[in-house]
Amino acid sequence: MDAVRVALLREVLAGTEWPAAARRFAGALRSSVVPQGGGLLLVGTAEYEPWHLAAHLVDEAAWSGQPELAPTLVRHRVRAGDPAHLAVGLGRVAAAGRGETLLVVAPQQPDAGLLERVHDARRSGATVLSLDAGDPEVLGLAHEALTVSGSAEVDLDTVQHLVSAATGENVLPSVRRGRRRLRDRLSRLADQLTAPPPPRW
């Protein structure tokens, strides 16, 4: 999702908790990974691999000049012949330790094998963060969590876009106060995007 679409998404969601919550979570992710010089592992459930989030974090790492934000995607099923960046299996989660960060994306309850590996990583000193649907076992393992329940105004995919965009921001913008009608917010965004550049003197 490009910067214009993210800006539009934030405008539409202004007045809800999600832009600020995503920025807080992104700040926790950044402060866990950047000072350590990297070590970000990204894992989903057996049914859901967070490919899209991995790609966006790679982009944000490049655009922000913070290569530490580029994750290693950990996969539940690795096939012979997979390229190296797609050949990291679940054993890597259990081997994680101090100085590493494990981001778990769980739109549904993970299986016991993944939970056990995440528990091992946490016990070895890894920082565990989760983007989840409220599973109590996942929440019990996470140092920091952002939960998207079934009754939320947004889905987990949308929140991943907000988080990945905010992760690459060097300065977190202040949160706007007050609620405006959706049409007003869209109109203001359109004005900003179509305004001519300021004159150069």
Foldseek 3Di string as FASTA:
>chain_A
DDPLVLLLVCLLCAVDCQLVLLLVLLVVVLVLFQVLLAQEEEEEALVDFPPVLLVLQCVLCVVLVRNNSRYQGEHCDADPPDPPSRRHYLVVLLVAAASHEYEYEYADDHDPVNLVSLQNHVVRHYAYEYEYQDDPSSVVSHPYYDHDHPPDPDGSVSSSVSNSVSNSDPDDDDRDDDDDDSVVSVVVSVCVVPPDDDDDD
